[in-house]
Amino acid sequence: MEEPVRISPTEAREKTKEGSALLVCAYDDKNKFEANHLEGAIALSDFRARLASMPTDQEIIFYCA
């Protein structure tokens, strides 16, 4: 298992916009997600719901504010 790699906000935005990465806001609480989500991000609960059907080659970027 690889160690997580930190990337810049600019790189995260570029990867999300081009579709090569999925941006996940790492909050379970709906209010925290709504207060801190970035454009294009999905909630952690949505990520968990999609996990079984997600492609294994897509990069996943987790963040918290």
N, C-alpha and C. Protein backbone atom coordinates (compact mmCIF):
# COMPACT_ATOMS: atom_id res chain seq x y z
N MET A 1 0.84 -1.18 0.00
CA MET A 1 0.00 0.00 0.00
C MET A 1 0.89 1.24 0.00
N GLU A 2 0.55 2.16 -0.87
CA GLU A 2 1.33 3.38 -0.98
C GLU A 2 0.93 4.39 0.09
N GLU A 3 1.88 5.20 0.47
CA GLU A 3 1.62 6.30 1.40
C GLU A 3 0.87 7.40 0.65
N PRO A 4 -0.02 8.11 1.33
CA PRO A 4 -0.70 9.24 0.68
C PRO A 4 0.32 10.31 0.27
N VAL A 5 0.03 10.95 -0.83
CA VAL A 5 0.89 12.02 -1.34
C VAL A 5 0.12 13.32 -1.26
N ARG A 6 0.76 14.33 -0.69
CA ARG A 6 0.12 15.65 -0.65
C ARG A 6 0.33 16.36 -1.98
N ILE A 7 -0.75 16.98 -2.45
CA ILE A 7 -0.67 17.75 -3.69
C ILE A 7 -1.21 19.15 -3.41
N SER A 8 -0.91 20.06 -4.30
CA SER A 8 -1.37 21.44 -4.13
C SER A 8 -2.85 21.55 -4.48
N PRO A 9 -3.50 22.58 -3.96
CA PRO A 9 -4.90 22.81 -4.33
C PRO A 9 -5.07 23.00 -5.84
N THR A 10 -4.09 23.63 -6.46
CA THR A 10 -4.16 23.85 -7.91
C THR A 10 -4.13 22.52 -8.65
N GLU A 11 -3.26 21.62 -8.23
CA GLU A 11 -3.18 20.31 -8.87
C GLU A 11 -4.46 19.51 -8.66
N ALA A 12 -5.02 19.58 -7.46
CA ALA A 12 -6.27 18.88 -7.17
C ALA A 12 -7.39 19.40 -8.07
N ARG A 13 -7.46 20.70 -8.22
CA ARG A 13 -8.51 21.30 -9.06
C ARG A 13 -8.35 20.87 -10.51
N GLU A 14 -7.11 20.89 -11.01
CA GLU A 14 -6.86 20.50 -12.40
C GLU A 14 -7.25 19.04 -12.64
N LYS A 15 -6.86 18.16 -11.75
CA LYS A 15 -7.17 16.74 -11.90
C LYS A 15 -8.69 16.50 -11.84
N THR A 16 -9.37 17.23 -10.97
CA THR A 16 -10.82 17.09 -10.85
C THR A 16 -11.51 17.60 -12.10
N LYS A 17 -11.09 18.76 -12.59
CA LYS A 17 -11.71 19.33 -13.78
C LYS A 17 -11.52 18.47 -15.02
N GLU A 18 -10.35 17.84 -15.15
CA GLU A 18 -10.11 17.01 -16.33
C GLU A 18 -10.71 15.61 -16.20
N GLY A 19 -11.22 15.28 -14.99
CA GLY A 19 -11.88 14.00 -14.78
C GLY A 19 -10.96 12.85 -14.43
N SER A 20 -9.69 13.14 -14.17
CA SER A 20 -8.77 12.05 -13.84
C SER A 20 -8.77 11.72 -12.34
N ALA A 21 -9.45 12.55 -11.56
CA ALA A 21 -9.50 12.31 -10.11
C ALA A 21 -10.88 12.65 -9.57
N LEU A 22 -11.23 11.99 -8.48
CA LEU A 22 -12.47 12.25 -7.77
C LEU A 22 -12.12 12.99 -6.49
N LEU A 23 -12.77 14.11 -6.25
CA LEU A 23 -12.52 14.91 -5.06
C LEU A 23 -13.55 14.57 -3.99
N VAL A 24 -13.05 14.18 -2.81
CA VAL A 24 -13.93 13.74 -1.73
C VAL A 24 -13.68 14.60 -0.49
N CYS A 25 -14.73 15.24 -0.01
CA CYS A 25 -14.67 16.00 1.23
C CYS A 25 -14.78 15.00 2.38
N ALA A 26 -13.76 14.93 3.22
CA ALA A 26 -13.65 13.87 4.22
C ALA A 26 -14.43 14.15 5.51
N TYR A 27 -15.63 14.65 5.37
CA TYR A 27 -16.50 14.87 6.53
C TYR A 27 -17.74 13.99 6.42
N ASP A 28 -18.07 13.31 7.51
CA ASP A 28 -19.30 12.52 7.56
C ASP A 28 -20.52 13.41 7.83
N ASP A 29 -20.32 14.45 8.58
CA ASP A 29 -21.39 15.35 9.00
C ASP A 29 -21.87 16.21 7.82
N LYS A 30 -23.17 16.16 7.54
CA LYS A 30 -23.73 16.89 6.40
C LYS A 30 -23.50 18.40 6.51
N ASN A 31 -23.63 18.96 7.71
CA ASN A 31 -23.44 20.40 7.89
C ASN A 31 -21.99 20.80 7.62
N LYS A 32 -21.04 19.99 8.07
CA LYS A 32 -19.63 20.28 7.81
C LYS A 32 -19.33 20.18 6.32
N PHE A 33 -19.92 19.18 5.66
CA PHE A 33 -19.72 19.07 4.22
C PHE A 33 -20.25 20.30 3.51
N GLU A 34 -21.46 20.70 3.83
CA GLU A 34 -22.06 21.86 3.17
C GLU A 34 -21.26 23.14 3.42
N ALA A 35 -20.68 23.27 4.60
CA ALA A 35 -19.90 24.46 4.94
C ALA A 35 -18.51 24.45 4.31
N ASN A 36 -17.98 23.26 4.00
CA ASN A 36 -16.57 23.16 3.58
C ASN A 36 -16.33 22.51 2.23
N HIS A 37 -17.38 22.15 1.49
CA HIS A 37 -17.12 21.44 0.23
C HIS A 37 -16.62 22.40 -0.84
N LEU A 38 -15.77 21.85 -1.68
CA LEU A 38 -15.24 22.58 -2.81
C LEU A 38 -16.02 22.18 -4.05
N GLU A 39 -15.96 23.03 -5.06
CA GLU A 39 -16.66 22.75 -6.31
C GLU A 39 -16.23 21.39 -6.86
N GLY A 40 -17.20 20.56 -7.17
CA GLY A 40 -16.94 19.25 -7.74
C GLY A 40 -16.72 18.14 -6.73
N ALA A 41 -16.68 18.48 -5.45
CA ALA A 41 -16.43 17.48 -4.41
C ALA A 41 -17.71 16.72 -4.07
N ILE A 42 -17.53 15.46 -3.67
CA ILE A 42 -18.65 14.69 -3.16
C ILE A 42 -18.44 14.45 -1.67
N ALA A 43 -19.52 14.16 -0.98
CA ALA A 43 -19.45 13.89 0.46
C ALA A 43 -18.88 12.50 0.70
N LEU A 44 -18.29 12.31 1.86
CA LEU A 44 -17.72 11.03 2.23
C LEU A 44 -18.78 9.92 2.18
N SER A 45 -19.99 10.23 2.61
CA SER A 45 -21.06 9.22 2.57
C SER A 45 -21.39 8.82 1.13
N ASP A 46 -21.36 9.76 0.20
CA ASP A 46 -21.59 9.44 -1.22
C ASP A 46 -20.45 8.58 -1.77
N PHE A 47 -19.23 8.90 -1.36
CA PHE A 47 -18.08 8.11 -1.77
C PHE A 47 -18.23 6.66 -1.31
N ARG A 48 -18.60 6.48 -0.05
CA ARG A 48 -18.77 5.13 0.48
C ARG A 48 -19.86 4.37 -0.28
N ALA A 49 -20.93 5.07 -0.63
CA ALA A 49 -22.04 4.43 -1.35
C ALA A 49 -21.61 4.00 -2.76
N ARG A 50 -20.69 4.72 -3.37
CA ARG A 50 -20.24 4.43 -4.74
C ARG A 50 -19.04 3.50 -4.80
N LEU A 51 -18.41 3.26 -3.68
CA LEU A 51 -17.12 2.58 -3.64
C LEU A 51 -17.10 1.27 -4.43
N ALA A 52 -18.09 0.44 -4.27
CA ALA A 52 -18.11 -0.86 -4.94
C ALA A 52 -18.16 -0.75 -6.46
N SER A 53 -18.72 0.32 -6.98
CA SER A 53 -18.87 0.45 -8.43
C SER A 53 -17.86 1.42 -9.06
N MET A 54 -16.93 1.92 -8.28
CA MET A 54 -15.97 2.88 -8.80
C MET A 54 -14.85 2.18 -9.58
N PRO A 55 -14.35 2.84 -10.62
CA PRO A 55 -13.21 2.26 -11.35
C PRO A 55 -11.98 2.23 -10.44
N THR A 56 -11.20 1.18 -10.58
CA THR A 56 -10.04 1.03 -9.70
C THR A 56 -8.84 1.85 -10.16
N ASP A 57 -8.91 2.42 -11.34
CA ASP A 57 -7.79 3.21 -11.83
C ASP A 57 -7.97 4.72 -11.67
N GLN A 58 -9.05 5.14 -11.05
CA GLN A 58 -9.29 6.58 -10.86
C GLN A 58 -8.62 7.04 -9.57
N GLU A 59 -7.91 8.15 -9.66
CA GLU A 59 -7.28 8.74 -8.48
C GLU A 59 -8.36 9.35 -7.59
N ILE A 60 -8.18 9.23 -6.30
CA ILE A 60 -9.13 9.77 -5.33
C ILE A 60 -8.38 10.76 -4.45
N ILE A 61 -8.90 11.97 -4.38
CA ILE A 61 -8.29 13.03 -3.58
C ILE A 61 -9.22 13.33 -2.41
N PHE A 62 -8.73 13.09 -1.20
CA PHE A 62 -9.48 13.41 0.01
C PHE A 62 -8.96 14.73 0.57
N TYR A 63 -9.86 15.53 1.10
CA TYR A 63 -9.44 16.75 1.77
C TYR A 63 -10.37 17.05 2.94
N CYS A 64 -9.88 17.83 3.85
CA CYS A 64 -10.71 18.40 4.91
C CYS A 64 -10.26 19.83 5.13
N ALA A 65 -11.17 20.65 5.59
CA ALA A 65 -10.84 22.08 5.75
C ALA A 65 -10.41 22.37 7.17
